[in-house]
N, C-alpha and C. Protein backbone atom coordinates (compact mmCIF):
# COMPACT_ATOMS: atom_id res chain seq x y z
N MET A 1 110.15 109.30 79.39
CA MET A 1 109.53 110.59 79.62
C MET A 1 108.61 110.45 80.85
N ASN A 2 108.78 111.35 81.81
CA ASN A 2 107.95 111.26 83.01
C ASN A 2 106.57 111.85 82.76
N LEU A 3 105.69 111.66 83.71
CA LEU A 3 104.29 112.07 83.55
C LEU A 3 104.15 113.57 83.34
N SER A 4 104.90 114.34 84.08
CA SER A 4 104.83 115.79 83.98
C SER A 4 105.18 116.26 82.56
N ASP A 5 106.24 115.70 82.00
CA ASP A 5 106.64 116.06 80.64
C ASP A 5 105.59 115.63 79.61
N ARG A 6 105.02 114.44 79.81
CA ARG A 6 103.97 113.95 78.91
C ARG A 6 102.77 114.88 78.92
N LEU A 7 102.41 115.36 80.11
CA LEU A 7 101.25 116.24 80.22
C LEU A 7 101.49 117.55 79.48
N VAL A 8 102.68 118.10 79.62
CA VAL A 8 103.00 119.36 78.93
C VAL A 8 102.97 119.14 77.41
N LYS A 9 103.59 118.04 76.96
CA LYS A 9 103.63 117.74 75.53
C LYS A 9 102.22 117.54 74.97
N ASP A 10 101.41 116.76 75.68
CA ASP A 10 100.05 116.51 75.22
C ASP A 10 99.20 117.77 75.25
N PHE A 11 99.38 118.59 76.28
CA PHE A 11 98.63 119.85 76.36
C PHE A 11 98.91 120.72 75.14
N LYS A 12 100.18 120.84 74.79
CA LYS A 12 100.55 121.64 73.62
C LYS A 12 99.95 121.07 72.34
N LYS A 13 99.99 119.73 72.24
CA LYS A 13 99.43 119.06 71.06
C LYS A 13 97.93 119.34 70.95
N TYR A 14 97.21 119.19 72.05
CA TYR A 14 95.76 119.42 72.04
C TYR A 14 95.43 120.89 71.77
N LEU A 15 96.27 121.77 72.26
CA LEU A 15 96.08 123.20 72.05
C LEU A 15 96.22 123.53 70.57
N ILE A 16 97.26 123.02 69.95
CA ILE A 16 97.52 123.27 68.53
C ILE A 16 96.41 122.67 67.67
N GLU A 17 95.97 121.44 68.04
CA GLU A 17 94.93 120.76 67.24
C GLU A 17 93.52 121.26 67.57
N LYS A 18 93.43 122.17 68.54
CA LYS A 18 92.14 122.75 68.95
C LYS A 18 91.14 121.69 69.41
N LEU A 19 91.65 120.74 70.19
CA LEU A 19 90.80 119.70 70.78
C LEU A 19 90.44 120.15 72.20
N THR A 20 89.25 120.69 72.35
CA THR A 20 88.86 121.36 73.59
C THR A 20 88.77 120.43 74.79
N ILE A 21 88.06 119.33 74.68
CA ILE A 21 87.87 118.44 75.83
C ILE A 21 89.19 117.83 76.30
N PRO A 22 90.01 117.26 75.40
CA PRO A 22 91.30 116.75 75.86
C PRO A 22 92.19 117.84 76.47
N LYS A 23 92.20 119.01 75.85
CA LYS A 23 93.01 120.12 76.36
C LYS A 23 92.57 120.50 77.77
N ASN A 24 91.27 120.66 77.96
CA ASN A 24 90.76 121.05 79.27
C ASN A 24 91.01 119.98 80.33
N THR A 25 90.91 118.72 79.93
CA THR A 25 91.14 117.62 80.86
C THR A 25 92.59 117.61 81.34
N VAL A 26 93.51 117.75 80.41
CA VAL A 26 94.93 117.77 80.76
C VAL A 26 95.27 119.03 81.57
N GLN A 27 94.66 120.14 81.19
CA GLN A 27 94.90 121.39 81.91
C GLN A 27 94.44 121.28 83.37
N LEU A 28 93.29 120.69 83.59
CA LEU A 28 92.78 120.50 84.94
C LEU A 28 93.68 119.56 85.75
N LEU A 29 94.15 118.52 85.11
CA LEU A 29 95.06 117.57 85.76
C LEU A 29 96.36 118.26 86.15
N ARG A 30 96.92 119.03 85.22
CA ARG A 30 98.16 119.76 85.52
C ARG A 30 97.96 120.74 86.67
N ALA A 31 96.80 121.39 86.72
CA ALA A 31 96.50 122.35 87.79
C ALA A 31 96.42 121.63 89.14
N ASP A 32 95.78 120.46 89.18
CA ASP A 32 95.69 119.69 90.42
C ASP A 32 97.07 119.27 90.90
N ILE A 33 97.91 118.85 89.97
CA ILE A 33 99.27 118.44 90.33
C ILE A 33 100.05 119.64 90.87
N LEU A 34 99.93 120.78 90.20
CA LEU A 34 100.62 122.00 90.65
C LEU A 34 100.13 122.43 92.03
N ASN A 35 98.83 122.39 92.26
CA ASN A 35 98.28 122.77 93.56
C ASN A 35 98.79 121.86 94.67
N LYS A 36 98.83 120.56 94.41
CA LYS A 36 99.32 119.61 95.41
C LYS A 36 100.81 119.85 95.67
N SER A 37 101.55 120.15 94.63
CA SER A 37 102.98 120.44 94.75
C SER A 37 103.20 121.69 95.61
N LYS A 38 102.41 122.70 95.38
CA LYS A 38 102.53 123.94 96.17
C LYS A 38 102.13 123.69 97.62
N GLU A 39 101.10 122.88 97.82
CA GLU A 39 100.62 122.57 99.16
C GLU A 39 101.71 121.84 99.96
N LEU A 40 102.40 120.90 99.31
CA LEU A 40 103.46 120.13 99.97
C LEU A 40 104.80 120.85 99.94
N GLN A 41 104.89 121.90 99.15
CA GLN A 41 106.11 122.70 98.98
C GLN A 41 107.30 121.87 98.51
N ARG A 42 107.01 120.99 97.55
CA ARG A 42 108.06 120.18 96.93
C ARG A 42 107.53 119.60 95.63
N GLU A 43 108.45 119.07 94.82
CA GLU A 43 108.05 118.39 93.60
C GLU A 43 107.39 117.06 93.96
N LEU A 44 106.36 116.69 93.23
CA LEU A 44 105.68 115.42 93.47
C LEU A 44 106.40 114.28 92.77
N SER A 45 106.35 113.12 93.40
CA SER A 45 106.92 111.93 92.78
C SER A 45 105.95 111.43 91.71
N GLU A 46 106.42 110.55 90.88
CA GLU A 46 105.58 109.97 89.82
C GLU A 46 104.36 109.29 90.44
N GLU A 47 104.58 108.56 91.53
CA GLU A 47 103.49 107.84 92.21
C GLU A 47 102.44 108.82 92.74
N GLU A 48 102.87 109.93 93.31
CA GLU A 48 101.93 110.93 93.82
C GLU A 48 101.11 111.56 92.69
N MET A 49 101.76 111.78 91.55
CA MET A 49 101.03 112.32 90.40
C MET A 49 100.00 111.31 89.90
N LEU A 50 100.37 110.04 89.88
CA LEU A 50 99.44 109.00 89.44
C LEU A 50 98.25 108.89 90.39
N GLU A 51 98.48 109.13 91.68
CA GLU A 51 97.38 109.12 92.64
C GLU A 51 96.38 110.23 92.33
N ILE A 52 96.89 111.38 91.89
CA ILE A 52 96.01 112.49 91.51
C ILE A 52 95.19 112.12 90.27
N VAL A 53 95.84 111.46 89.31
CA VAL A 53 95.13 111.01 88.11
C VAL A 53 94.03 110.03 88.51
N ALA A 54 94.37 109.07 89.37
CA ALA A 54 93.40 108.08 89.81
C ALA A 54 92.22 108.74 90.55
N LYS A 55 92.53 109.75 91.34
CA LYS A 55 91.49 110.47 92.08
C LYS A 55 90.54 111.16 91.10
N GLN A 56 91.10 111.78 90.07
CA GLN A 56 90.25 112.45 89.08
C GLN A 56 89.37 111.45 88.33
N ILE A 57 89.92 110.29 88.00
CA ILE A 57 89.14 109.26 87.32
C ILE A 57 87.98 108.82 88.20
N LYS A 58 88.26 108.64 89.48
CA LYS A 58 87.23 108.24 90.43
C LYS A 58 86.13 109.30 90.51
N GLN A 59 86.52 110.57 90.54
CA GLN A 59 85.54 111.66 90.59
C GLN A 59 84.67 111.67 89.32
N LYS A 60 85.32 111.47 88.18
CA LYS A 60 84.59 111.48 86.90
C LYS A 60 83.60 110.32 86.85
N ARG A 61 83.99 109.15 87.34
CA ARG A 61 83.08 108.00 87.34
C ARG A 61 81.88 108.25 88.24
N SER A 62 82.14 108.91 89.36
CA SER A 62 81.06 109.26 90.28
C SER A 62 80.08 110.23 89.61
N ALA A 63 80.63 111.23 88.94
CA ALA A 63 79.80 112.21 88.24
C ALA A 63 79.02 111.54 87.10
N LEU A 64 79.66 110.57 86.47
CA LEU A 64 79.04 109.85 85.36
C LEU A 64 77.73 109.20 85.79
N GLU A 65 77.73 108.60 86.98
CA GLU A 65 76.52 107.96 87.50
C GLU A 65 75.39 108.98 87.64
N GLU A 66 75.74 110.15 88.14
CA GLU A 66 74.74 111.20 88.32
C GLU A 66 74.19 111.69 86.98
N PHE A 67 75.08 111.86 86.02
CA PHE A 67 74.65 112.31 84.69
C PHE A 67 73.72 111.30 84.04
N GLU A 68 74.04 110.00 84.22
CA GLU A 68 73.20 108.96 83.64
C GLU A 68 71.82 108.95 84.29
N LYS A 69 71.77 109.17 85.61
CA LYS A 69 70.48 109.23 86.31
C LYS A 69 69.62 110.38 85.78
N CYS A 70 70.27 111.48 85.45
CA CYS A 70 69.55 112.68 84.98
C CYS A 70 69.32 112.68 83.47
N ASN A 71 69.75 111.59 82.82
CA ASN A 71 69.58 111.49 81.36
C ASN A 71 70.26 112.61 80.59
N ARG A 72 71.46 112.99 81.02
CA ARG A 72 72.22 114.04 80.33
C ARG A 72 73.24 113.37 79.41
N ARG A 73 72.79 112.97 78.24
CA ARG A 73 73.64 112.25 77.29
C ARG A 73 74.87 113.06 76.90
N ASP A 74 74.73 114.38 76.76
CA ASP A 74 75.86 115.22 76.37
C ASP A 74 76.96 115.16 77.43
N LEU A 75 76.57 115.23 78.70
CA LEU A 75 77.57 115.18 79.77
C LEU A 75 78.14 113.78 79.96
N VAL A 76 77.33 112.77 79.71
CA VAL A 76 77.81 111.38 79.80
C VAL A 76 78.90 111.15 78.77
N ASP A 77 78.65 111.57 77.52
CA ASP A 77 79.63 111.39 76.46
C ASP A 77 80.92 112.14 76.76
N LYS A 78 80.79 113.38 77.22
CA LYS A 78 81.96 114.20 77.55
C LYS A 78 82.77 113.55 78.68
N THR A 79 82.09 113.05 79.69
CA THR A 79 82.76 112.45 80.84
C THR A 79 83.47 111.16 80.45
N TYR A 80 82.84 110.35 79.58
CA TYR A 80 83.51 109.14 79.08
C TYR A 80 84.80 109.51 78.36
N MET A 81 84.75 110.56 77.58
CA MET A 81 85.93 111.00 76.84
C MET A 81 87.03 111.45 77.82
N GLU A 82 86.65 112.20 78.86
CA GLU A 82 87.62 112.66 79.86
C GLU A 82 88.26 111.48 80.59
N ILE A 83 87.45 110.48 80.93
CA ILE A 83 87.98 109.30 81.61
C ILE A 83 88.98 108.57 80.72
N SER A 84 88.65 108.44 79.43
CA SER A 84 89.57 107.74 78.52
C SER A 84 90.88 108.51 78.36
N ILE A 85 90.81 109.83 78.37
CA ILE A 85 92.02 110.65 78.28
C ILE A 85 92.87 110.45 79.53
N LEU A 86 92.24 110.49 80.70
CA LEU A 86 92.98 110.31 81.96
C LEU A 86 93.57 108.91 82.06
N ASN A 87 92.87 107.91 81.54
CA ASN A 87 93.37 106.54 81.60
C ASN A 87 94.66 106.35 80.81
N GLN A 88 94.92 107.23 79.83
CA GLN A 88 96.16 107.14 79.05
C GLN A 88 97.39 107.34 79.93
N TYR A 89 97.22 108.05 81.04
CA TYR A 89 98.36 108.37 81.90
C TYR A 89 98.55 107.36 83.03
N MET A 90 97.63 106.43 83.16
CA MET A 90 97.70 105.43 84.21
C MET A 90 98.54 104.24 83.76
N PRO A 91 99.24 103.59 84.70
CA PRO A 91 99.97 102.37 84.33
C PRO A 91 98.98 101.24 84.07
N GLU A 92 99.46 100.20 83.44
CA GLU A 92 98.62 99.04 83.13
C GLU A 92 98.08 98.46 84.44
N PRO A 93 96.76 98.32 84.56
CA PRO A 93 96.20 97.78 85.81
C PRO A 93 96.52 96.30 85.98
N LEU A 94 96.57 95.87 87.24
CA LEU A 94 96.81 94.46 87.52
C LEU A 94 95.58 93.64 87.17
N THR A 95 95.78 92.42 86.71
CA THR A 95 94.66 91.53 86.47
C THR A 95 94.18 90.99 87.82
N LEU A 96 92.99 90.43 87.84
CA LEU A 96 92.47 89.85 89.09
C LEU A 96 93.38 88.73 89.59
N GLU A 97 93.92 87.94 88.67
CA GLU A 97 94.79 86.83 89.05
C GLU A 97 96.07 87.36 89.71
N GLU A 98 96.68 88.38 89.10
CA GLU A 98 97.90 88.97 89.67
C GLU A 98 97.61 89.56 91.05
N LEU A 99 96.49 90.22 91.18
CA LEU A 99 96.11 90.83 92.45
C LEU A 99 95.85 89.77 93.51
N GLU A 100 95.22 88.67 93.13
CA GLU A 100 94.97 87.58 94.09
C GLU A 100 96.28 87.00 94.60
N VAL A 101 97.25 86.84 93.72
CA VAL A 101 98.56 86.31 94.12
C VAL A 101 99.22 87.26 95.13
N ILE A 102 99.20 88.56 94.83
CA ILE A 102 99.80 89.55 95.73
C ILE A 102 99.10 89.53 97.09
N ILE A 103 97.79 89.43 97.09
CA ILE A 103 97.03 89.42 98.35
C ILE A 103 97.38 88.18 99.17
N LYS A 104 97.42 87.02 98.52
CA LYS A 104 97.74 85.78 99.24
C LYS A 104 99.15 85.82 99.81
N GLU A 105 100.11 86.29 99.01
CA GLU A 105 101.50 86.38 99.49
C GLU A 105 101.61 87.35 100.67
N THR A 106 100.98 88.50 100.55
CA THR A 106 101.04 89.51 101.60
C THR A 106 100.36 89.00 102.87
N ALA A 107 99.23 88.31 102.71
CA ALA A 107 98.51 87.77 103.87
C ALA A 107 99.38 86.76 104.61
N SER A 108 100.10 85.92 103.88
CA SER A 108 100.95 84.94 104.55
C SER A 108 102.18 85.61 105.18
N GLU A 109 102.69 86.67 104.56
CA GLU A 109 103.85 87.38 105.12
C GLU A 109 103.52 88.03 106.47
N ILE A 110 102.32 88.62 106.57
CA ILE A 110 101.98 89.33 107.82
C ILE A 110 101.06 88.49 108.70
N ASN A 111 100.87 87.22 108.34
CA ASN A 111 100.04 86.29 109.12
C ASN A 111 98.62 86.80 109.33
N ALA A 112 98.02 87.29 108.27
CA ALA A 112 96.63 87.76 108.34
C ALA A 112 95.72 86.57 108.11
N THR A 113 94.90 86.25 109.11
CA THR A 113 94.04 85.08 109.00
C THR A 113 92.57 85.37 109.28
N SER A 114 92.27 86.51 109.91
CA SER A 114 90.87 86.80 110.24
C SER A 114 90.51 88.21 109.79
N LYS A 115 89.22 88.52 109.93
CA LYS A 115 88.72 89.85 109.54
C LYS A 115 89.39 90.97 110.34
N LYS A 116 89.89 90.65 111.54
CA LYS A 116 90.55 91.67 112.36
C LYS A 116 91.81 92.20 111.68
N ASP A 117 92.41 91.38 110.82
CA ASP A 117 93.66 91.75 110.14
C ASP A 117 93.42 92.50 108.83
N MET A 118 92.15 92.73 108.49
CA MET A 118 91.82 93.31 107.19
C MET A 118 92.46 94.68 106.98
N GLY A 119 92.38 95.57 107.95
CA GLY A 119 92.94 96.91 107.81
C GLY A 119 94.44 96.89 107.56
N ARG A 120 95.13 96.07 108.32
CA ARG A 120 96.59 95.97 108.19
C ARG A 120 96.95 95.38 106.82
N LEU A 121 96.20 94.36 106.40
CA LEU A 121 96.45 93.72 105.10
C LEU A 121 96.16 94.69 103.95
N MET A 122 95.04 95.41 104.05
CA MET A 122 94.69 96.38 103.01
C MET A 122 95.79 97.43 102.86
N LYS A 123 96.30 97.93 103.98
CA LYS A 123 97.34 98.95 103.95
C LYS A 123 98.59 98.43 103.24
N GLU A 124 99.00 97.23 103.58
CA GLU A 124 100.19 96.62 102.95
C GLU A 124 100.00 96.45 101.45
N ILE A 125 98.84 95.98 101.06
CA ILE A 125 98.58 95.72 99.63
C ILE A 125 98.54 97.04 98.87
N LYS A 126 97.88 98.06 99.42
CA LYS A 126 97.80 99.37 98.75
C LYS A 126 99.20 99.94 98.53
N GLU A 127 100.10 99.74 99.52
CA GLU A 127 101.47 100.23 99.36
C GLU A 127 102.18 99.49 98.24
N GLN A 128 101.91 98.20 98.09
CA GLN A 128 102.57 97.40 97.05
C GLN A 128 102.05 97.73 95.66
N VAL A 129 100.73 97.80 95.50
CA VAL A 129 100.17 97.94 94.15
C VAL A 129 99.96 99.39 93.74
N GLY A 130 99.88 100.31 94.69
CA GLY A 130 99.69 101.72 94.36
C GLY A 130 98.40 101.94 93.60
N VAL A 131 98.49 102.58 92.46
CA VAL A 131 97.29 102.92 91.68
C VAL A 131 96.98 101.87 90.61
N ARG A 132 97.68 100.75 90.64
CA ARG A 132 97.45 99.72 89.62
C ARG A 132 96.21 98.87 89.91
N ALA A 133 95.60 99.09 91.09
CA ALA A 133 94.34 98.42 91.42
C ALA A 133 93.54 99.34 92.32
N ASP A 134 92.21 99.32 92.16
CA ASP A 134 91.41 100.23 92.97
C ASP A 134 91.07 99.57 94.31
N GLY A 135 90.81 100.40 95.30
CA GLY A 135 90.56 99.95 96.66
C GLY A 135 89.35 99.03 96.78
N LYS A 136 88.33 99.28 95.98
CA LYS A 136 87.11 98.48 96.04
C LYS A 136 87.40 97.02 95.65
N THR A 137 88.15 96.83 94.59
CA THR A 137 88.49 95.49 94.13
C THR A 137 89.37 94.78 95.16
N ILE A 138 90.36 95.51 95.68
CA ILE A 138 91.25 94.95 96.70
C ILE A 138 90.43 94.51 97.91
N SER A 139 89.52 95.38 98.34
CA SER A 139 88.69 95.09 99.51
C SER A 139 87.86 93.81 99.30
N GLN A 140 87.26 93.67 98.12
CA GLN A 140 86.45 92.50 97.83
C GLN A 140 87.28 91.21 97.89
N LEU A 141 88.48 91.26 97.30
CA LEU A 141 89.34 90.07 97.26
C LEU A 141 89.86 89.74 98.66
N VAL A 142 90.22 90.75 99.43
CA VAL A 142 90.70 90.53 100.80
C VAL A 142 89.57 89.92 101.64
N ASN A 143 88.36 90.45 101.47
CA ASN A 143 87.20 89.94 102.18
C ASN A 143 86.98 88.44 101.88
N GLN A 144 87.11 88.08 100.60
CA GLN A 144 86.94 86.67 100.21
C GLN A 144 88.00 85.80 100.86
N LEU A 145 89.23 86.28 100.86
CA LEU A 145 90.33 85.50 101.43
C LEU A 145 90.18 85.29 102.92
N LEU A 146 89.79 86.34 103.63
CA LEU A 146 89.72 86.27 105.09
C LEU A 146 88.41 85.65 105.60
N SER A 147 87.47 85.38 104.69
CA SER A 147 86.19 84.77 105.13
C SER A 147 86.35 83.29 105.36
């Protein structure tokens, strides 16, 4: 079952069970996917849909920091729940060890040896791993390797 079908199925389930936060989270995700599809005037690939999910998770984590600073426990709890719902649609993330192996292999393939090669190496790795690893972690590991 592809992501789009899962979202529709889960939305209906949450609607029937009257689970407001999960329903609204899935509804917002479906709306973002539909908007992006209309913008590009084509159906989105599974990878493009996963990028939208990852983007929403990143936004929620950013908002979470602000809510914690303001001591808004109600919003913190709600945002944690939304993040956990969105994480259900993400593929299994790579472990640090797996990511290190991919970075080392890619670095040797493109002969990346200094900090000047960081941009090119980052681009190659992001294409390989997609949304299975976040850019911040990749950047840190690449930095360690090229230092």
